Amino acid sequence: MGLIARSQRNLATLTGWVERCSWPIFLAEDRATISCTSPQFKITDPWFTRLSPEERFRTVRAMTRRLEQEDAAYDIASHRASPPGLRIWTGPTVETANVAALLPWIDWPGKNSAALRRPLR
């Protein structure tokens, strides 16, 4: 399999996840501009959008810290110049099975805002 094809399959896995979930959407509004190596996501769930901008950044930091502590994901907070959200590396060095394995972990804090308020280990 070619490297570009692997990145495109990884993006297709994330696209399917976005279509099934109610809370994330791609940051890029034009599908043609979505990166297949490091797509970014906005969190659109009402509990999140009601937060102040600073609370949104703190919440994403808590979410990504929790995922790191669970050894589920590393460095997935959105780029510092982007709105608070997630950025997932899906380049050719990442196996599609690993992208798929990550998704339930992202869904856990994404769907459960209370999980972000629990004390971290």
PDB file of N, CA and C in Angstrom:
ATOM      1  N   MET A   1       0.848  -1.169   0.000  1.00  0.00           N
ATOM      2  CA  MET A   1       0.000   0.000   0.000  1.00  0.00           C
ATOM      3  C   MET A   1       0.898   1.238   0.000  1.00  0.00           C
ATOM      4  N   GLY A   2       0.494   2.231  -0.760  1.00  0.00           N
ATOM      5  CA  GLY A   2       1.253   3.468  -0.826  1.00  0.00           C
ATOM      6  C   GLY A   2       1.011   4.346   0.393  1.00  0.00           C
ATOM      7  N   LEU A   3       1.938   5.244   0.606  1.00  0.00           N
ATOM      8  CA  LEU A   3       1.859   6.118   1.771  1.00  0.00           C
ATOM      9  C   LEU A   3       0.687   7.091   1.688  1.00  0.00           C
ATOM     10  N   ILE A   4       0.434   7.632   0.522  1.00  0.00           N
ATOM     11  CA  ILE A   4      -0.701   8.554   0.363  1.00  0.00           C
ATOM     12  C   ILE A   4      -2.007   7.806   0.584  1.00  0.00           C
ATOM     13  N   ALA A   5      -2.088   6.599   0.064  1.00  0.00           N
ATOM     14  CA  ALA A   5      -3.307   5.796   0.240  1.00  0.00           C
ATOM     15  C   ALA A   5      -3.575   5.518   1.719  1.00  0.00           C
ATOM     16  N   ARG A   6      -2.523   5.255   2.474  1.00  0.00           N
ATOM     17  CA  ARG A   6      -2.716   5.001   3.909  1.00  0.00           C
ATOM     18  C   ARG A   6      -3.257   6.255   4.605  1.00  0.00           C
ATOM     19  N   SER A   7      -2.689   7.402   4.281  1.00  0.00           N
ATOM     20  CA  SER A   7      -3.185   8.652   4.875  1.00  0.00           C
ATOM     21  C   SER A   7      -4.638   8.893   4.495  1.00  0.00           C
ATOM     22  N   GLN A   8      -4.987   8.608   3.267  1.00  0.00           N
ATOM     23  CA  GLN A   8      -6.369   8.797   2.818  1.00  0.00           C
ATOM     24  C   GLN A   8      -7.310   7.824   3.523  1.00  0.00           C
ATOM     25  N   ARG A   9      -6.875   6.589   3.763  1.00  0.00           N
ATOM     26  CA  ARG A   9      -7.712   5.633   4.512  1.00  0.00           C
ATOM     27  C   ARG A   9      -7.879   6.090   5.958  1.00  0.00           C
ATOM     28  N   ASN A  10      -6.814   6.632   6.532  1.00  0.00           N
ATOM     29  CA  ASN A  10      -6.917   7.152   7.895  1.00  0.00           C
ATOM     30  C   ASN A  10      -7.938   8.283   7.963  1.00  0.00           C
ATOM     31  N   LEU A  11      -7.888   9.179   6.985  1.00  0.00           N
ATOM     32  CA  LEU A  11      -8.871  10.267   6.939  1.00  0.00           C
ATOM     33  C   LEU A  11     -10.277   9.719   6.738  1.00  0.00           C
ATOM     34  N   ALA A  12     -10.431   8.717   5.908  1.00  0.00           N
ATOM     35  CA  ALA A  12     -11.756   8.115   5.692  1.00  0.00           C
ATOM     36  C   ALA A  12     -12.296   7.524   6.996  1.00  0.00           C
ATOM     37  N   THR A  13     -11.427   6.948   7.799  1.00  0.00           N
ATOM     38  CA  THR A  13     -11.844   6.411   9.103  1.00  0.00           C
ATOM     39  C   THR A  13     -12.371   7.537   9.988  1.00  0.00           C
ATOM     40  N   LEU A  14     -11.662   8.658  10.013  1.00  0.00           N
ATOM     41  CA  LEU A  14     -12.109   9.798  10.812  1.00  0.00           C
ATOM     42  C   LEU A  14     -13.373  10.422  10.246  1.00  0.00           C
ATOM     43  N   THR A  15     -13.494  10.454   8.936  1.00  0.00           N
ATOM     44  CA  THR A  15     -14.695  11.008   8.319  1.00  0.00           C
ATOM     45  C   THR A  15     -15.922  10.188   8.715  1.00  0.00           C
ATOM     46  N   GLY A  16     -15.799   8.882   8.704  1.00  0.00           N
ATOM     47  CA  GLY A  16     -16.900   8.019   9.141  1.00  0.00           C
ATOM     48  C   GLY A  16     -17.262   8.267  10.589  1.00  0.00           C
ATOM     49  N   TRP A  17     -16.254   8.470  11.423  1.00  0.00           N
ATOM     50  CA  TRP A  17     -16.495   8.760  12.841  1.00  0.00           C
ATOM     51  C   TRP A  17     -17.242  10.074  13.006  1.00  0.00           C
ATOM     52  N   VAL A  18     -16.813  11.120  12.291  1.00  0.00           N
ATOM     53  CA  VAL A  18     -17.482  12.423  12.375  1.00  0.00           C
ATOM     54  C   VAL A  18     -18.939  12.301  11.938  1.00  0.00           C
ATOM     55  N   GLU A  19     -19.185  11.518  10.908  1.00  0.00           N
ATOM     56  CA  GLU A  19     -20.559  11.346  10.415  1.00  0.00           C
ATOM     57  C   GLU A  19     -21.444  10.612  11.416  1.00  0.00           C
ATOM     58  N   ARG A  20     -20.853   9.774  12.273  1.00  0.00           N
ATOM     59  CA  ARG A  20     -21.623   9.016  13.268  1.00  0.00           C
ATOM     60  C   ARG A  20     -21.797   9.755  14.584  1.00  0.00           C
ATOM     61  N   CYS A  21     -20.946  10.739  14.851  1.00  0.00           N
ATOM     62  CA  CYS A  21     -20.955  11.437  16.132  1.00  0.00           C
ATOM     63  C   CYS A  21     -21.693  12.758  16.035  1.00  0.00           C
ATOM     64  N   SER A  22     -22.198  13.194  17.161  1.00  0.00           N
ATOM     65  CA  SER A  22     -22.925  14.462  17.176  1.00  0.00           C
ATOM     66  C   SER A  22     -22.064  15.637  17.627  1.00  0.00           C
ATOM     67  N   TRP A  23     -20.905  15.396  18.196  1.00  0.00           N
ATOM     68  CA  TRP A  23     -20.173  16.487  18.821  1.00  0.00           C
ATOM     69  C   TRP A  23     -18.966  17.021  18.069  1.00  0.00           C
ATOM     70  N   PRO A  24     -18.293  16.268  17.159  1.00  0.00           N
ATOM     71  CA  PRO A  24     -17.168  16.871  16.444  1.00  0.00           C
ATOM     72  C   PRO A  24     -17.521  17.168  14.985  1.00  0.00           C
ATOM     73  N   ILE A  25     -16.886  18.186  14.436  1.00  0.00           N
ATOM     74  CA  ILE A  25     -16.928  18.422  12.990  1.00  0.00           C
ATOM     75  C   ILE A  25     -15.521  18.846  12.573  1.00  0.00           C
ATOM     76  N   PHE A  26     -15.227  18.674  11.305  1.00  0.00           N
ATOM     77  CA  PHE A  26     -13.928  19.106  10.802  1.00  0.00           C
ATOM     78  C   PHE A  26     -13.819  20.623  10.920  1.00  0.00           C
ATOM     79  N   LEU A  27     -12.663  21.100  11.289  1.00  0.00           N
ATOM     80  CA  LEU A  27     -12.427  22.538  11.344  1.00  0.00           C
ATOM     81  C   LEU A  27     -12.505  23.137   9.942  1.00  0.00           C
ATOM     82  N   ALA A  28     -11.920  22.462   8.973  1.00  0.00           N
ATOM     83  CA  ALA A  28     -11.981  22.933   7.586  1.00  0.00           C
ATOM     84  C   ALA A  28     -13.414  22.770   7.077  1.00  0.00           C
ATOM     85  N   GLU A  29     -13.995  23.840   6.605  1.00  0.00           N
ATOM     86  CA  GLU A  29     -15.379  23.792   6.147  1.00  0.00           C
ATOM     87  C   GLU A  29     -15.511  23.218   4.741  1.00  0.00           C
ATOM     88  N   ASP A  30     -14.484  23.364   3.936  1.00  0.00           N
ATOM     89  CA  ASP A  30     -14.473  22.823   2.577  1.00  0.00           C
ATOM     90  C   ASP A  30     -13.794  21.459   2.611  1.00  0.00           C
ATOM     91  N   ARG A  31     -14.525  20.407   2.276  1.00  0.00           N
ATOM     92  CA  ARG A  31     -13.974  19.052   2.336  1.00  0.00           C
ATOM     93  C   ARG A  31     -12.668  18.917   1.556  1.00  0.00           C
ATOM     94  N   ALA A  32     -12.523  19.703   0.511  1.00  0.00           N
ATOM     95  CA  ALA A  32     -11.315  19.622  -0.315  1.00  0.00           C
ATOM     96  C   ALA A  32     -10.076  20.119   0.427  1.00  0.00           C
ATOM     97  N   THR A  33     -10.275  20.854   1.511  1.00  0.00           N
ATOM     98  CA  THR A  33      -9.125  21.402   2.242  1.00  0.00           C
ATOM     99  C   THR A  33      -8.835  20.666   3.546  1.00  0.00           C
ATOM    100  N   ILE A  34      -9.519  19.575   3.805  1.00  0.00           N
ATOM    101  CA  ILE A  34      -9.255  18.789   5.012  1.00  0.00           C
ATOM    102  C   ILE A  34      -7.949  18.025   4.813  1.00  0.00           C
ATOM    103  N   SER A  35      -7.045  18.193   5.739  1.00  0.00           N
ATOM    104  CA  SER A  35      -5.756  17.515   5.663  1.00  0.00           C
ATOM    105  C   SER A  35      -5.930  16.024   5.909  1.00  0.00           C
ATOM    106  N   CYS A  36      -5.272  15.199   5.087  1.00  0.00           N
ATOM    107  CA  CYS A  36      -5.338  13.762   5.340  1.00  0.00           C
ATOM    108  C   CYS A  36      -4.183  13.315   6.236  1.00  0.00           C
ATOM    109  N   THR A  37      -3.358  14.246   6.704  1.00  0.00           N
ATOM    110  CA  THR A  37      -2.272  13.883   7.612  1.00  0.00           C
ATOM    111  C   THR A  37      -2.421  14.469   9.011  1.00  0.00           C
ATOM    112  N   SER A  38      -3.172  15.544   9.165  1.00  0.00           N
ATOM    113  CA  SER A  38      -3.375  16.114  10.512  1.00  0.00           C
ATOM    114  C   SER A  38      -4.676  16.912  10.561  1.00  0.00           C
ATOM    115  N   PRO A  39      -5.805  16.235  10.346  1.00  0.00           N
ATOM    116  CA  PRO A  39      -7.081  16.958  10.387  1.00  0.00           C
ATOM    117  C   PRO A  39      -7.372  17.496  11.784  1.00  0.00           C
ATOM    118  N   GLN A  40      -8.053  18.641  11.788  1.00  0.00           N
ATOM    119  CA  GLN A  40      -8.451  19.261  13.050  1.00  0.00           C
ATOM    120  C   GLN A  40      -9.967  19.230  13.175  1.00  0.00           C
ATOM    121  N   PHE A  41     -10.427  19.198  14.414  1.00  0.00           N
ATOM    122  CA  PHE A  41     -11.853  19.081  14.701  1.00  0.00           C
ATOM    123  C   PHE A  41     -12.306  20.139  15.689  1.00  0.00           C
ATOM    124  N   LYS A  42     -13.490  20.671  15.430  1.00  0.00           N
ATOM    125  CA  LYS A  42     -14.147  21.563  16.386  1.00  0.00           C
ATOM    126  C   LYS A  42     -15.104  20.713  17.211  1.00  0.00           C
ATOM    127  N   ILE A  43     -15.288  21.107  18.442  1.00  0.00           N
ATOM    128  CA  ILE A  43     -16.252  20.442  19.312  1.00  0.00           C
ATOM    129  C   ILE A  43     -17.509  21.299  19.286  1.00  0.00           C
ATOM    130  N   THR A  44     -18.606  20.708  18.849  1.00  0.00           N
ATOM    131  CA  THR A  44     -19.831  21.473  18.633  1.00  0.00           C
ATOM    132  C   THR A  44     -20.946  21.150  19.617  1.00  0.00           C
ATOM    133  N   ASP A  45     -20.686  20.265  20.538  1.00  0.00           N
ATOM    134  CA  ASP A  45     -21.721  19.898  21.500  1.00  0.00           C
ATOM    135  C   ASP A  45     -22.119  21.126  22.320  1.00  0.00           C
ATOM    136  N   PRO A  46     -23.416  21.314  22.592  1.00  0.00           N
ATOM    137  CA  PRO A  46     -23.869  22.504  23.322  1.00  0.00           C
ATOM    138  C   PRO A  46     -23.190  22.717  24.675  1.00  0.00           C
ATOM    139  N   TRP A  47     -22.908  21.647  25.430  1.00  0.00           N
ATOM    140  CA  TRP A  47     -22.246  21.847  26.724  1.00  0.00           C
ATOM    141  C   TRP A  47     -20.903  22.542  26.539  1.00  0.00           C
ATOM    142  N   PHE A  48     -20.236  22.288  25.400  1.00  0.00           N
ATOM    143  CA  PHE A  48     -18.928  22.884  25.128  1.00  0.00           C
ATOM    144  C   PHE A  48     -19.058  24.290  24.558  1.00  0.00           C
ATOM    145  N   THR A  49     -19.961  24.476  23.630  1.00  0.00           N
ATOM    146  CA  THR A  49     -20.087  25.787  22.977  1.00  0.00           C
ATOM    147  C   THR A  49     -20.625  26.851  23.922  1.00  0.00           C
ATOM    148  N   ARG A  50     -21.281  26.445  25.014  1.00  0.00           N
ATOM    149  CA  ARG A  50     -21.761  27.410  26.010  1.00  0.00           C
ATOM    150  C   ARG A  50     -20.633  27.944  26.890  1.00  0.00           C
ATOM    151  N   LEU A  51     -19.474  27.283  26.866  1.00  0.00           N
ATOM    152  CA  LEU A  51     -18.342  27.722  27.683  1.00  0.00           C
ATOM    153  C   LEU A  51     -17.708  28.971  27.087  1.00  0.00           C
ATOM    154  N   SER A  52     -17.037  29.723  27.932  1.00  0.00           N
ATOM    155  CA  SER A  52     -16.279  30.871  27.438  1.00  0.00           C
ATOM    156  C   SER A  52     -15.094  30.345  26.624  1.00  0.00           C
ATOM    157  N   PRO A  53     -14.495  31.179  25.777  1.00  0.00           N
ATOM    158  CA  PRO A  53     -13.325  30.719  25.013  1.00  0.00           C
ATOM    159  C   PRO A  53     -12.212  30.158  25.901  1.00  0.00           C
ATOM    160  N   GLU A  54     -11.924  30.811  27.012  1.00  0.00           N
ATOM    161  CA  GLU A  54     -10.878  30.305  27.900  1.00  0.00           C
ATOM    162  C   GLU A  54     -11.276  28.966  28.519  1.00  0.00           C
ATOM    163  N   GLU A  55     -12.549  28.828  28.893  1.00  0.00           N
ATOM    164  CA  GLU A  55     -13.012  27.545  29.450  1.00  0.00           C
ATOM    165  C   GLU A  55     -12.931  26.438  28.394  1.00  0.00           C
ATOM    166  N   ARG A  56     -13.179  26.778  27.153  1.00  0.00           N
ATOM    167  CA  ARG A  56     -13.052  25.780  26.077  1.00  0.00           C
ATOM    168  C   ARG A  56     -11.613  25.292  25.971  1.00  0.00           C
ATOM    169  N   PHE A  57     -10.648  26.222  25.995  1.00  0.00           N
ATOM    170  CA  PHE A  57      -9.239  25.816  25.940  1.00  0.00           C
ATOM    171  C   PHE A  57      -8.878  24.953  27.143  1.00  0.00           C
ATOM    172  N   ARG A  58      -9.323  25.350  28.332  1.00  0.00           N
ATOM    173  CA  ARG A  58      -9.033  24.557  29.530  1.00  0.00           C
ATOM    174  C   ARG A  58      -9.653  23.171  29.430  1.00  0.00           C
ATOM    175  N   THR A  59     -10.859  23.090  28.897  1.00  0.00           N
ATOM    176  CA  THR A  59     -11.545  21.810  28.768  1.00  0.00           C
ATOM    177  C   THR A  59     -10.810  20.894  27.794  1.00  0.00           C
ATOM    178  N   VAL A  60     -10.380  21.441  26.670  1.00  0.00           N
ATOM    179  CA  VAL A  60      -9.620  20.627  25.706  1.00  0.00           C
ATOM    180  C   VAL A  60      -8.301  20.179  26.327  1.00  0.00           C
ATOM    181  N   ARG A  61      -7.648  21.051  27.063  1.00  0.00           N
ATOM    182  CA  ARG A  61      -6.402  20.649  27.732  1.00  0.00           C
ATOM    183  C   ARG A  61      -6.667  19.524  28.725  1.00  0.00           C
ATOM    184  N   ALA A  62      -7.769  19.622  29.473  1.00  0.00           N
ATOM    185  CA  ALA A  62      -8.116  18.554  30.421  1.00  0.00           C
ATOM    186  C   ALA A  62      -8.423  17.259  29.681  1.00  0.00           C
ATOM    187  N   MET A  63      -9.137  17.369  28.588  1.00  0.00           N
ATOM    188  CA  MET A  63      -9.494  16.197  27.796  1.00  0.00           C
ATOM    189  C   MET A  63      -8.237  15.507  27.260  1.00  0.00           C
ATOM    190  N   THR A  64      -7.342  16.277  26.670  1.00  0.00           N
ATOM    191  CA  THR A  64      -6.148  15.673  26.084  1.00  0.00           C
ATOM    192  C   THR A  64      -5.198  15.165  27.168  1.00  0.00           C
ATOM    193  N   ARG A  65      -5.153  15.861  28.308  1.00  0.00           N
ATOM    194  CA  ARG A  65      -4.333  15.382  29.422  1.00  0.00           C
ATOM    195  C   ARG A  65      -4.859  14.041  29.922  1.00  0.00           C
ATOM    196  N   ARG A  66      -6.170  13.930  30.024  1.00  0.00           N
ATOM    197  CA  ARG A  66      -6.781  12.671  30.472  1.00  0.00           C
ATOM    198  C   ARG A  66      -6.430  11.533  29.502  1.00  0.00           C
ATOM    199  N   LEU A  67      -6.515  11.811  28.209  1.00  0.00           N
ATOM    200  CA  LEU A  67      -6.185  10.789  27.215  1.00  0.00           C
ATOM    201  C   LEU A  67      -4.711  10.403  27.289  1.00  0.00           C
ATOM    202  N   GLU A  68      -3.837  11.367  27.542  1.00  0.00           N
ATOM    203  CA  GLU A  68      -2.421  11.057  27.706  1.00  0.00           C
ATOM    204  C   GLU A  68      -2.190  10.199  28.938  1.00  0.00           C
ATOM    205  N   GLN A  69      -2.862  10.523  30.027  1.00  0.00           N
ATOM    206  CA  GLN A  69      -2.681   9.749  31.254  1.00  0.00           C
ATOM    207  C   GLN A  69      -3.188   8.318  31.107  1.00  0.00           C
ATOM    208  N   GLU A  70      -4.126   8.126  30.224  1.00  0.00           N
ATOM    209  CA  GLU A  70      -4.635   6.780  29.957  1.00  0.00           C
ATOM    210  C   GLU A  70      -3.806   6.064  28.886  1.00  0.00           C
ATOM    211  N   ASP A  71      -2.736   6.720  28.410  1.00  0.00           N
ATOM    212  CA  ASP A  71      -1.899   6.197  27.326  1.00  0.00           C
ATOM    213  C   ASP A  71      -2.714   5.898  26.069  1.00  0.00           C
ATOM    214  N   ALA A  72      -3.721   6.711  25.843  1.00  0.00           N
ATOM    215  CA  ALA A  72      -4.604   6.506  24.693  1.00  0.00           C
ATOM    216  C   ALA A  72      -4.251   7.413  23.520  1.00  0.00           C
ATOM    217  N   ALA A  73      -3.751   8.611  23.795  1.00  0.00           N
ATOM    218  CA  ALA A  73      -3.442   9.572  22.732  1.00  0.00           C
ATOM    219  C   ALA A  73      -2.461  10.603  23.273  1.00  0.00           C
ATOM    220  N   TYR A  74      -1.620  11.075  22.388  1.00  0.00           N
ATOM    221  CA  TYR A  74      -0.637  12.089  22.756  1.00  0.00           C
ATOM    222  C   TYR A  74      -0.665  13.228  21.748  1.00  0.00           C
ATOM    223  N   ASP A  75      -0.518  14.439  22.250  1.00  0.00           N
ATOM    224  CA  ASP A  75      -0.383  15.629  21.415  1.00  0.00           C
ATOM    225  C   ASP A  75      -1.526  15.750  20.404  1.00  0.00           C
ATOM    226  N   ILE A  76      -2.765  15.684  20.886  1.00  0.00           N
ATOM    227  CA  ILE A  76      -3.892  15.776  19.953  1.00  0.00           C
ATOM    228  C   ILE A  76      -4.714  17.051  20.134  1.00  0.00           C
ATOM    229  N   ALA A  77      -4.255  17.964  20.958  1.00  0.00           N
ATOM    230  CA  ALA A  77      -4.961  19.249  21.057  1.00  0.00           C
ATOM    231  C   ALA A  77      -4.758  20.003  19.748  1.00  0.00           C
ATOM    232  N   SER A  78      -5.747  20.795  19.378  1.00  0.00           N
ATOM    233  CA  SER A  78      -5.642  21.558  18.137  1.00  0.00           C
ATOM    234  C   SER A  78      -4.443  22.500  18.179  1.00  0.00           C
ATOM    235  N   HIS A  79      -4.030  22.918  17.032  1.00  0.00           N
ATOM    236  CA  HIS A  79      -2.913  23.853  16.911  1.00  0.00           C
ATOM    237  C   HIS A  79      -3.205  25.112  17.718  1.00  0.00           C
ATOM    238  N   ARG A  80      -2.195  25.681  18.302  1.00  0.00           N
ATOM    239  CA  ARG A  80      -2.384  26.835  19.197  1.00  0.00           C
ATOM    240  C   ARG A  80      -3.042  28.029  18.521  1.00  0.00           C
ATOM    241  N   ALA A  81      -2.944  28.130  17.193  1.00  0.00           N
ATOM    242  CA  ALA A  81      -3.573  29.244  16.475  1.00  0.00           C
ATOM    243  C   ALA A  81      -4.991  28.901  16.011  1.00  0.00           C
ATOM    244  N   SER A  82      -5.448  27.719  16.337  1.00  0.00           N
ATOM    245  CA  SER A  82      -6.784  27.259  15.930  1.00  0.00           C
ATOM    246  C   SER A  82      -7.754  27.364  17.094  1.00  0.00           C
ATOM    247  N   PRO A  83      -9.045  27.288  16.798  1.00  0.00           N
ATOM    248  CA  PRO A  83     -10.025  27.235  17.894  1.00  0.00           C
ATOM    249  C   PRO A  83      -9.788  25.982  18.743  1.00  0.00           C
ATOM    250  N   PRO A  84     -10.230  25.988  19.995  1.00  0.00           N
ATOM    251  CA  PRO A  84     -10.041  24.807  20.833  1.00  0.00           C
ATOM    252  C   PRO A  84     -10.721  23.591  20.216  1.00  0.00           C
ATOM    253  N   GLY A  85      -9.992  22.524  20.141  1.00  0.00           N
ATOM    254  CA  GLY A  85     -10.496  21.285  19.561  1.00  0.00           C
ATOM    255  C   GLY A  85      -9.401  20.248  19.518  1.00  0.00           C
ATOM    256  N   LEU A  86      -9.494  19.355  18.554  1.00  0.00           N
ATOM    257  CA  LEU A  86      -8.540  18.258  18.441  1.00  0.00           C
ATOM    258  C   LEU A  86      -7.848  18.281  17.085  1.00  0.00           C
ATOM    259  N   ARG A  87      -6.626  17.784  17.075  1.00  0.00           N
ATOM    260  CA  ARG A  87      -5.873  17.567  15.838  1.00  0.00           C
ATOM    261  C   ARG A  87      -5.267  16.184  15.959  1.00  0.00           C
ATOM    262  N   ILE A  88      -5.545  15.345  14.988  1.00  0.00           N
ATOM    263  CA  ILE A  88      -5.116  13.951  15.056  1.00  0.00           C
ATOM    264  C   ILE A  88      -4.141  13.667  13.921  1.00  0.00           C
ATOM    265  N   TRP A  89      -2.983  13.137  14.264  1.00  0.00           N
ATOM    266  CA  TRP A  89      -1.997  12.773  13.265  1.00  0.00           C
ATOM    267  C   TRP A  89      -2.471  11.502  12.554  1.00  0.00           C
ATOM    268  N   THR A  90      -2.601  11.604  11.238  1.00  0.00           N
ATOM    269  CA  THR A  90      -3.080  10.475  10.424  1.00  0.00           C
ATOM    270  C   THR A  90      -2.172  10.252   9.227  1.00  0.00           C
ATOM    271  N   GLY A  91      -0.934  10.654   9.362  1.00  0.00           N
ATOM    272  CA  GLY A  91       0.015  10.514   8.258  1.00  0.00           C
ATOM    273  C   GLY A  91       0.344   9.072   7.947  1.00  0.00           C
ATOM    274  N   PRO A  92       1.234   8.863   6.990  1.00  0.00           N
ATOM    275  CA  PRO A  92       1.509   7.520   6.494  1.00  0.00           C
ATOM    276  C   PRO A  92       2.219   6.606   7.479  1.00  0.00           C
ATOM    277  N   THR A  93       2.727   7.143   8.585  1.00  0.00           N
ATOM    278  CA  THR A  93       3.361   6.284   9.579  1.00  0.00           C
ATOM    279  C   THR A  93       2.357   5.736  10.584  1.00  0.00           C
ATOM    280  N   VAL A  94       1.092   6.123  10.438  1.00  0.00           N
ATOM    281  CA  VAL A  94       0.045   5.694  11.365  1.00  0.00           C
ATOM    282  C   VAL A  94      -0.813   4.630  10.697  1.00  0.00           C
ATOM    283  N   GLU A  95      -0.958   3.510  11.362  1.00  0.00           N
ATOM    284  CA  GLU A  95      -1.801   2.428  10.848  1.00  0.00           C
ATOM    285  C   GLU A  95      -3.271   2.794  11.013  1.00  0.00           C
ATOM    286  N   THR A  96      -4.077   2.464  10.028  1.00  0.00           N
ATOM    287  CA  THR A  96      -5.509   2.756  10.077  1.00  0.00           C
ATOM    288  C   THR A  96      -6.162   2.089  11.288  1.00  0.00           C
ATOM    289  N   ALA A  97      -5.707   0.900  11.643  1.00  0.00           N
ATOM    290  CA  ALA A  97      -6.258   0.214  12.821  1.00  0.00           C
ATOM    291  C   ALA A  97      -6.015   1.021  14.093  1.00  0.00           C
ATOM    292  N   ASN A  98      -4.902   1.724  14.154  1.00  0.00           N
ATOM    293  CA  ASN A  98      -4.624   2.550  15.335  1.00  0.00           C
ATOM    294  C   ASN A  98      -5.514   3.777  15.386  1.00  0.00           C
ATOM    295  N   VAL A  99      -5.818   4.352  14.230  1.00  0.00           N
ATOM    296  CA  VAL A  99      -6.757   5.479  14.189  1.00  0.00           C
ATOM    297  C   VAL A  99      -8.124   4.997  14.685  1.00  0.00           C
ATOM    298  N   ALA A 100      -8.556   3.851  14.200  1.00  0.00           N
ATOM    299  CA  ALA A 100      -9.851   3.296  14.614  1.00  0.00           C
ATOM    300  C   ALA A 100      -9.860   2.987  16.112  1.00  0.00           C
ATOM    301  N   ALA A 101      -8.755   2.491  16.640  1.00  0.00           N
ATOM    302  CA  ALA A 101      -8.679   2.165  18.072  1.00  0.00           C
ATOM    303  C   ALA A 101      -8.727   3.422  18.936  1.00  0.00           C
ATOM    304  N   LEU A 102      -8.291   4.548  18.411  1.00  0.00           N
ATOM    305  CA  LEU A 102      -8.301   5.800  19.152  1.00  0.00           C
ATOM    306  C   LEU A 102      -9.713   6.355  19.335  1.00  0.00           C
ATOM    307  N   LEU A 103     -10.580   6.132  18.387  1.00  0.00           N
ATOM    308  CA  LEU A 103     -11.884   6.797  18.371  1.00  0.00           C
ATOM    309  C   LEU A 103     -12.749   6.565  19.612  1.00  0.00           C
ATOM    310  N   PRO A 104     -12.858   5.353  20.132  1.00  0.00           N
ATOM    311  CA  PRO A 104     -13.645   5.202  21.372  1.00  0.00           C
ATOM    312  C   PRO A 104     -13.059   6.000  22.537  1.00  0.00           C
ATOM    313  N   TRP A 105     -11.750   6.144  22.582  1.00  0.00           N
ATOM    314  CA  TRP A 105     -11.120   6.927  23.640  1.00  0.00           C
ATOM    315  C   TRP A 105     -11.477   8.399  23.506  1.00  0.00           C
ATOM    316  N   ILE A 106     -11.537   8.893  22.281  1.00  0.00           N
ATOM    317  CA  ILE A 106     -11.905  10.294  22.075  1.00  0.00           C
ATOM    318  C   ILE A 106     -13.380  10.499  22.381  1.00  0.00           C
ATOM    319  N   ASP A 107     -14.195   9.521  22.026  1.00  0.00           N
ATOM    320  CA  ASP A 107     -15.624   9.626  22.318  1.00  0.00           C
ATOM    321  C   ASP A 107     -15.894   9.699  23.815  1.00  0.00           C
ATOM    322  N   TRP A 108     -15.101   9.007  24.598  1.00  0.00           N
ATOM    323  CA  TRP A 108     -15.346   8.938  26.040  1.00  0.00           C
ATOM    324  C   TRP A 108     -15.399  10.328  26.664  1.00  0.00           C
ATOM    325  N   PRO A 109     -14.357  11.158  26.588  1.00  0.00           N
ATOM    326  CA  PRO A 109     -14.503  12.492  27.181  1.00  0.00           C
ATOM    327  C   PRO A 109     -15.359  13.417  26.327  1.00  0.00           C
ATOM    328  N   GLY A 110     -15.407  13.177  25.019  1.00  0.00           N
ATOM    329  CA  GLY A 110     -16.212  14.034  24.161  1.00  0.00           C
ATOM    330  C   GLY A 110     -17.691  13.950  24.476  1.00  0.00           C
ATOM    331  N   LYS A 111     -18.165  12.762  24.820  1.00  0.00           N
ATOM    332  CA  LYS A 111     -19.574  12.574  25.130  1.00  0.00           C
ATOM    333  C   LYS A 111     -19.877  12.736  26.614  1.00  0.00           C
ATOM    334  N   ASN A 112     -18.855  12.751  27.430  1.00  0.00           N
ATOM    335  CA  ASN A 112     -19.059  12.762  28.875  1.00  0.00           C
ATOM    336  C   ASN A 112     -18.304  13.918  29.505  1.00  0.00           C
ATOM    337  N   SER A 113     -18.911  15.082  29.474  1.00  0.00           N
ATOM    338  CA  SER A 113     -18.226  16.250  30.019  1.00  0.00           C
ATOM    339  C   SER A 113     -17.887  16.056  31.494  1.00  0.00           C
ATOM    340  N   ALA A 114     -18.673  15.260  32.205  1.00  0.00           N
ATOM    341  CA  ALA A 114     -18.377  15.016  33.621  1.00  0.00           C
ATOM    342  C   ALA A 114     -17.041  14.299  33.777  1.00  0.00           C
ATOM    343  N   ALA A 115     -16.654  13.518  32.780  1.00  0.00           N
ATOM    344  CA  ALA A 115     -15.374  12.807  32.851  1.00  0.00           C
ATOM    345  C   ALA A 115     -14.210  13.779  32.916  1.00  0.00           C
ATOM    346  N   LEU A 116     -14.394  14.966  32.372  1.00  0.00           N
ATOM    347  CA  LEU A 116     -13.322  15.958  32.381  1.00  0.00           C
ATOM    348  C   LEU A 116     -13.168  16.617  33.745  1.00  0.00           C
ATOM    349  N   ARG A 117     -14.165  16.485  34.575  1.00  0.00           N
ATOM    350  CA  ARG A 117     -14.104  17.137  35.882  1.00  0.00           C
ATOM    351  C   ARG A 117     -13.603  16.206  36.985  1.00  0.00           C
ATOM    352  N   ARG A 118     -13.453  14.917  36.651  1.00  0.00           N
ATOM    353  CA  ARG A 118     -12.952  13.964  37.649  1.00  0.00           C
ATOM    354  C   ARG A 118     -11.476  14.233  37.910  1.00  0.00           C
ATOM    355  N   PRO A 119     -11.030  13.954  39.134  1.00  0.00           N
ATOM    356  CA  PRO A 119      -9.614  14.145  39.420  1.00  0.00           C
ATOM    357  C   PRO A 119      -8.752  13.252  38.518  1.00  0.00           C
ATOM    358  N   LEU A 120      -7.644  13.804  38.070  1.00  0.00           N
ATOM    359  CA  LEU A 120      -6.715  13.043  37.241  1.00  0.00           C
ATOM    360  C   LEU A 120      -5.800  12.245  38.134  1.00  0.00           C
ATOM    361  N   ARG A 121      -5.383  11.080  37.650  1.00  0.00           N
ATOM    362  CA  ARG A 121      -4.457  10.249  38.426  1.00  0.00           C
ATOM    363  C   ARG A 121      -3.084  10.855  38.460  1.00  0.00           C
TER     364      ARG A 121
END
